[in-house]
Amino acid sequence: MTALPEIVDREIWLEQRAELLVREKAHTRAGSALAAARRRLPMTEVDGTVELTGVRGPTRVLDMFEGRDQLLVCKHMWSLGRPFEDQCRGCTATVWNFQDATYLEARGVTFAVWCQGPYAEFAPFREFMGYQAPWYSVHGVDAPGISDGWITCYLRVGDRVFQTYETDGRGVEAMMPALQLLDLTVYGRQEDWEDSPEGWPQDPAQSWFRRDGRPIPQWKVLKPVVEEASPVDFVR
């Protein structure tokens, strides 16, 4: 049987919840202070004429802003020559959790994915997954501030492009609201690095990002294909 939290009456629960709220408010204020510090970082110029291949062919970084002043980019790893089911589970989780940039665009920020694979190879994958954001290839590109980084922010000033921020590692969790919501639940992410009470369910980190040999979102996009195709038609 899975371990359970201690059961208390509502008065005690409200008291302990209020104690935790003090720490949560401090955490929120600390996050706001960090964001304020990010806004005060200097910036460094990158080559906005570097071209990455997208749906319209070679495209300058400068043109990826699509007329807006800011560009936010997420990198996607790519395993050359491997089938869809063998592509990065972490990158899939990151991009799948953020599929609509409407609210970024409302603040003058364009969102794009820069993939490490060749465009011709990952374009069918993008279509298969149903991603709507523009994807560009950084395969073979070696340009400071463009070929490195994971989530990277840029500012356009006229025809010049500046890098204002980048993050990697757990910094990419900013694009993964499912993880933030799981942190609110009693069992959390259920990963073995978490500090949880004895008996809480836990698996190796990100092991649950895959199921039956595929990143879990792929089963969602495969379902209508399976339902509509005959056994002879279904080859993926």
Protein backbone atom coordinates (compact mmCIF):
# COMPACT_ATOMS: atom_id res chain seq x y z
CA MET A 1 0.00 0.00 0.00
CA THR A 2 1.30 3.46 -0.89
CA ALA A 3 2.24 5.57 2.11
CA LEU A 4 -0.16 8.36 3.09
CA PRO A 5 0.21 11.73 4.81
CA GLU A 6 -0.75 12.03 8.47
CA ILE A 7 -4.47 12.63 9.01
CA VAL A 8 -5.32 15.61 11.24
CA ASP A 9 -8.41 17.69 11.94
CA ARG A 10 -9.06 20.76 9.79
CA GLU A 11 -7.92 23.30 12.41
CA ILE A 12 -4.47 21.72 12.63
CA TRP A 13 -4.31 21.39 8.85
CA LEU A 14 -5.13 25.10 8.36
CA GLU A 15 -2.50 26.05 10.94
CA GLN A 16 0.24 24.06 9.24
CA ARG A 17 -0.88 25.26 5.81
CA ALA A 18 -0.56 28.85 7.04
CA GLU A 19 2.97 28.16 8.30
CA LEU A 20 3.98 26.81 4.89
CA LEU A 21 2.37 29.79 3.16
CA VAL A 22 4.88 32.11 4.87
CA ARG A 23 7.72 30.16 3.24
CA GLU A 24 5.90 30.06 -0.11
CA LYS A 25 5.47 33.84 -0.10
CA ALA A 26 9.19 34.26 0.65
CA HIS A 27 9.99 31.93 -2.25
CA THR A 28 7.74 33.95 -4.58
CA ARG A 29 9.40 37.22 -3.54
CA ALA A 30 12.84 35.66 -4.04
CA GLY A 31 11.79 34.60 -7.55
CA SER A 32 10.61 38.13 -8.29
CA ALA A 33 13.96 39.49 -7.08
CA LEU A 34 15.80 37.09 -9.40
CA ALA A 35 13.63 38.18 -12.32
CA ALA A 36 14.45 41.79 -11.50
CA ALA A 37 18.15 40.93 -11.55
CA ARG A 38 17.74 39.25 -14.96
CA ARG A 39 16.22 42.44 -16.31
CA ARG A 40 19.35 44.29 -15.22
CA LEU A 41 21.84 41.96 -16.92
CA PRO A 42 23.97 43.52 -19.64
CA MET A 43 23.64 42.12 -23.15
CA THR A 44 26.13 40.91 -25.73
CA GLU A 45 25.88 41.17 -29.51
CA VAL A 46 25.53 38.08 -31.70
CA ASP A 47 25.66 37.76 -35.46
CA GLY A 48 22.08 38.30 -36.60
CA THR A 49 23.01 37.44 -40.18
CA VAL A 50 23.67 33.78 -39.30
CA GLU A 51 21.25 31.64 -41.30
CA LEU A 52 19.40 28.61 -39.97
CA THR A 53 17.27 26.40 -42.20
CA GLY A 54 13.52 26.46 -41.62
CA VAL A 55 10.33 25.87 -43.56
CA ARG A 56 11.17 28.82 -45.85
CA GLY A 57 14.77 27.69 -46.37
CA PRO A 58 17.82 29.55 -44.99
CA THR A 59 16.59 32.24 -42.62
CA ARG A 60 18.61 34.91 -40.84
CA VAL A 61 18.30 35.06 -37.06
CA LEU A 62 17.30 38.70 -37.55
CA ASP A 63 14.29 37.61 -39.62
CA MET A 64 13.14 35.07 -37.02
CA PHE A 65 11.92 37.95 -34.85
CA GLU A 66 9.05 38.30 -37.35
CA GLY A 67 8.99 42.04 -36.80
CA ARG A 68 8.94 41.84 -33.00
CA ASP A 69 11.67 43.19 -30.73
CA GLN A 70 12.36 40.00 -28.77
CA LEU A 71 13.02 36.36 -29.61
CA LEU A 72 12.91 33.45 -27.17
CA VAL A 73 14.46 30.21 -28.40
CA CYS A 74 14.38 26.68 -27.04
CA LYS A 75 16.93 24.13 -28.25
CA HIS A 76 15.86 20.59 -29.14
CA MET A 77 18.40 17.77 -29.23
CA TRP A 78 18.35 15.38 -32.16
CA SER A 79 19.66 11.83 -32.58
CA LEU A 80 20.77 11.62 -36.20
CA GLY A 81 19.19 8.84 -38.20
CA ARG A 82 17.07 7.60 -35.30
CA PRO A 83 13.28 7.05 -35.50
CA PHE A 84 10.76 9.36 -33.85
CA GLU A 85 10.42 7.16 -30.75
CA ASP A 86 14.16 7.44 -30.02
CA GLN A 87 14.27 11.24 -29.93
CA CYS A 88 15.00 13.03 -26.66
CA ARG A 89 12.40 12.43 -23.96
CA GLY A 90 13.45 15.58 -22.06
CA CYS A 91 13.23 17.82 -25.12
CA THR A 92 9.86 16.29 -25.96
CA ALA A 93 8.61 17.07 -22.46
CA THR A 94 9.90 20.63 -22.70
CA VAL A 95 8.43 21.52 -26.09
CA TRP A 96 5.19 19.54 -25.65
CA ASN A 97 4.45 21.41 -22.42
CA PHE A 98 4.61 24.74 -24.28
CA GLN A 99 2.80 24.81 -27.60
CA ASP A 100 1.15 28.22 -27.83
CA ALA A 101 3.09 31.50 -27.79
CA THR A 102 0.04 33.79 -27.91
CA TYR A 103 0.80 35.47 -24.60
CA LEU A 104 4.48 35.89 -25.48
CA GLU A 105 3.56 37.48 -28.78
CA ALA A 106 1.21 39.87 -26.96
CA ARG A 107 4.32 41.21 -25.22
CA GLY A 108 6.40 41.45 -28.37
CA VAL A 109 8.22 38.12 -28.00
CA THR A 110 8.51 35.58 -30.82
CA PHE A 111 9.05 31.94 -29.86
CA ALA A 112 11.00 29.42 -31.94
CA VAL A 113 12.62 26.01 -31.60
CA TRP A 114 16.19 25.53 -32.78
CA CYS A 115 16.85 21.86 -33.42
CA GLN A 116 20.28 20.26 -33.53
CA GLY A 117 19.33 17.99 -36.43
CA PRO A 118 19.17 18.72 -40.19
CA TYR A 119 15.89 20.33 -41.22
CA ALA A 120 14.99 17.64 -43.76
CA GLU A 121 15.32 15.01 -41.05
CA PHE A 122 13.35 16.66 -38.24
CA ALA A 123 10.63 18.35 -40.35
CA PRO A 124 8.54 15.13 -40.54
CA PHE A 125 8.92 14.76 -36.77
CA ARG A 126 7.63 18.30 -36.17
CA GLU A 127 4.64 17.56 -38.39
CA PHE A 128 4.03 14.21 -36.67
CA MET A 129 4.02 15.85 -33.24
CA GLY A 130 1.71 18.64 -34.42
CA TYR A 131 3.98 21.45 -33.26
CA GLN A 132 2.93 24.88 -34.52
CA ALA A 133 5.94 26.99 -33.51
CA PRO A 134 8.57 27.55 -36.21
CA TRP A 135 11.53 25.15 -36.09
CA TYR A 136 14.99 25.93 -37.47
CA SER A 137 18.11 23.81 -37.79
CA VAL A 138 21.37 24.72 -36.03
CA HIS A 139 23.01 21.60 -37.47
CA GLY A 140 26.57 22.44 -38.51
CA VAL A 141 26.35 26.01 -37.18
CA ASP A 142 29.17 27.26 -34.96
CA ALA A 143 28.34 30.79 -33.83
CA PRO A 144 28.74 32.13 -30.27
CA GLY A 145 25.40 32.81 -28.60
CA ILE A 146 23.52 30.87 -31.29
CA SER A 147 24.87 27.32 -31.43
CA ASP A 148 25.26 27.15 -27.63
CA GLY A 149 22.73 27.69 -24.81
CA TRP A 150 19.42 25.94 -24.23
CA ILE A 151 16.69 28.50 -23.57
CA THR A 152 18.03 31.78 -24.89
CA CYS A 153 16.56 35.28 -25.09
CA TYR A 154 17.46 37.89 -27.70
CA LEU A 155 16.70 41.57 -28.23
CA ARG A 156 16.61 43.25 -31.65
CA VAL A 157 17.79 46.84 -31.86
CA GLY A 158 17.33 47.94 -35.45
CA ASP A 159 19.37 45.46 -37.51
CA ARG A 160 21.50 44.34 -34.55
CA VAL A 161 20.79 41.29 -32.38
CA PHE A 162 21.82 40.95 -28.74
CA GLN A 163 21.73 37.98 -26.39
CA THR A 164 20.19 38.98 -23.07
CA TYR A 165 19.84 35.66 -21.20
CA GLU A 166 20.31 31.91 -21.38
CA THR A 167 19.69 28.93 -19.13
CA ASP A 168 20.03 25.17 -19.24
CA GLY A 169 19.64 22.23 -16.84
CA ARG A 170 16.64 22.66 -14.58
CA GLY A 171 16.26 26.21 -15.87
CA VAL A 172 14.23 24.77 -18.76
CA GLU A 173 11.51 23.79 -16.27
CA ALA A 174 10.16 27.30 -16.86
CA MET A 175 8.60 25.77 -20.00
CA MET A 176 7.20 22.71 -18.19
CA PRO A 177 4.10 23.70 -16.18
CA ALA A 178 3.21 20.03 -15.62
CA LEU A 179 6.22 19.72 -13.33
CA GLN A 180 5.31 22.87 -11.42
CA LEU A 181 1.79 21.51 -10.90
CA LEU A 182 3.10 18.12 -9.80
CA ASP A 183 5.19 19.94 -7.18
CA LEU A 184 1.88 21.05 -5.62
CA THR A 185 0.58 17.48 -5.25
CA VAL A 186 1.18 15.23 -2.26
CA TYR A 187 3.47 12.79 -4.08
CA GLY A 188 5.25 15.44 -6.16
CA ARG A 189 7.03 14.32 -9.33
CA GLN A 190 7.60 10.89 -7.78
CA GLU A 191 11.29 10.93 -8.72
CA ASP A 192 14.06 9.47 -6.62
CA TRP A 193 16.01 12.72 -6.18
CA GLU A 194 13.12 14.39 -4.33
CA ASP A 195 13.11 14.80 -0.56
CA SER A 196 9.89 12.92 0.23
CA PRO A 197 8.68 11.00 3.30
CA GLU A 198 9.50 7.30 3.63
CA GLY A 199 7.26 5.14 1.46
CA TRP A 200 6.37 7.82 -1.11
CA PRO A 201 6.29 6.42 -4.68
CA GLN A 202 9.51 7.28 -6.52
CA ASP A 203 11.12 6.30 -9.84
CA PRO A 204 14.40 7.30 -11.51
CA ALA A 205 14.38 10.89 -12.77
CA GLN A 206 12.49 11.32 -16.08
CA SER A 207 11.96 7.57 -16.42
CA TRP A 208 8.23 8.22 -16.60
CA PHE A 209 8.74 10.56 -19.58
CA ARG A 210 8.70 7.40 -21.73
CA ARG A 211 6.18 4.58 -21.88
CA ASP A 212 6.42 1.39 -23.90
CA GLY A 213 9.41 2.63 -25.86
CA ARG A 214 8.21 6.16 -26.73
CA PRO A 215 8.08 9.64 -25.18
CA ILE A 216 4.57 9.66 -23.69
CA PRO A 217 3.09 12.48 -25.86
CA GLN A 218 3.69 10.35 -28.95
CA TRP A 219 1.03 7.89 -27.80
CA LYS A 220 -1.45 10.76 -27.82
CA VAL A 221 -0.62 11.76 -31.40
CA LEU A 222 -0.50 8.13 -32.50
CA LYS A 223 -3.97 7.29 -31.13
CA PRO A 224 -5.99 8.89 -33.97
CA VAL A 225 -3.62 7.35 -36.51
CA VAL A 226 -4.19 3.89 -35.05
CA GLU A 227 -7.95 4.39 -34.91
CA GLU A 228 -8.19 5.57 -38.53
CA ALA A 229 -5.76 3.17 -40.17
CA SER A 230 -6.20 -0.48 -41.05
CA PRO A 231 -3.46 -2.93 -39.94
CA VAL A 232 -2.12 -2.85 -43.50
CA ASP A 233 -2.03 0.95 -43.62
CA PHE A 234 -0.44 1.45 -40.22
CA VAL A 235 3.33 1.36 -40.71
CA ARG A 236 4.69 3.92 -38.24
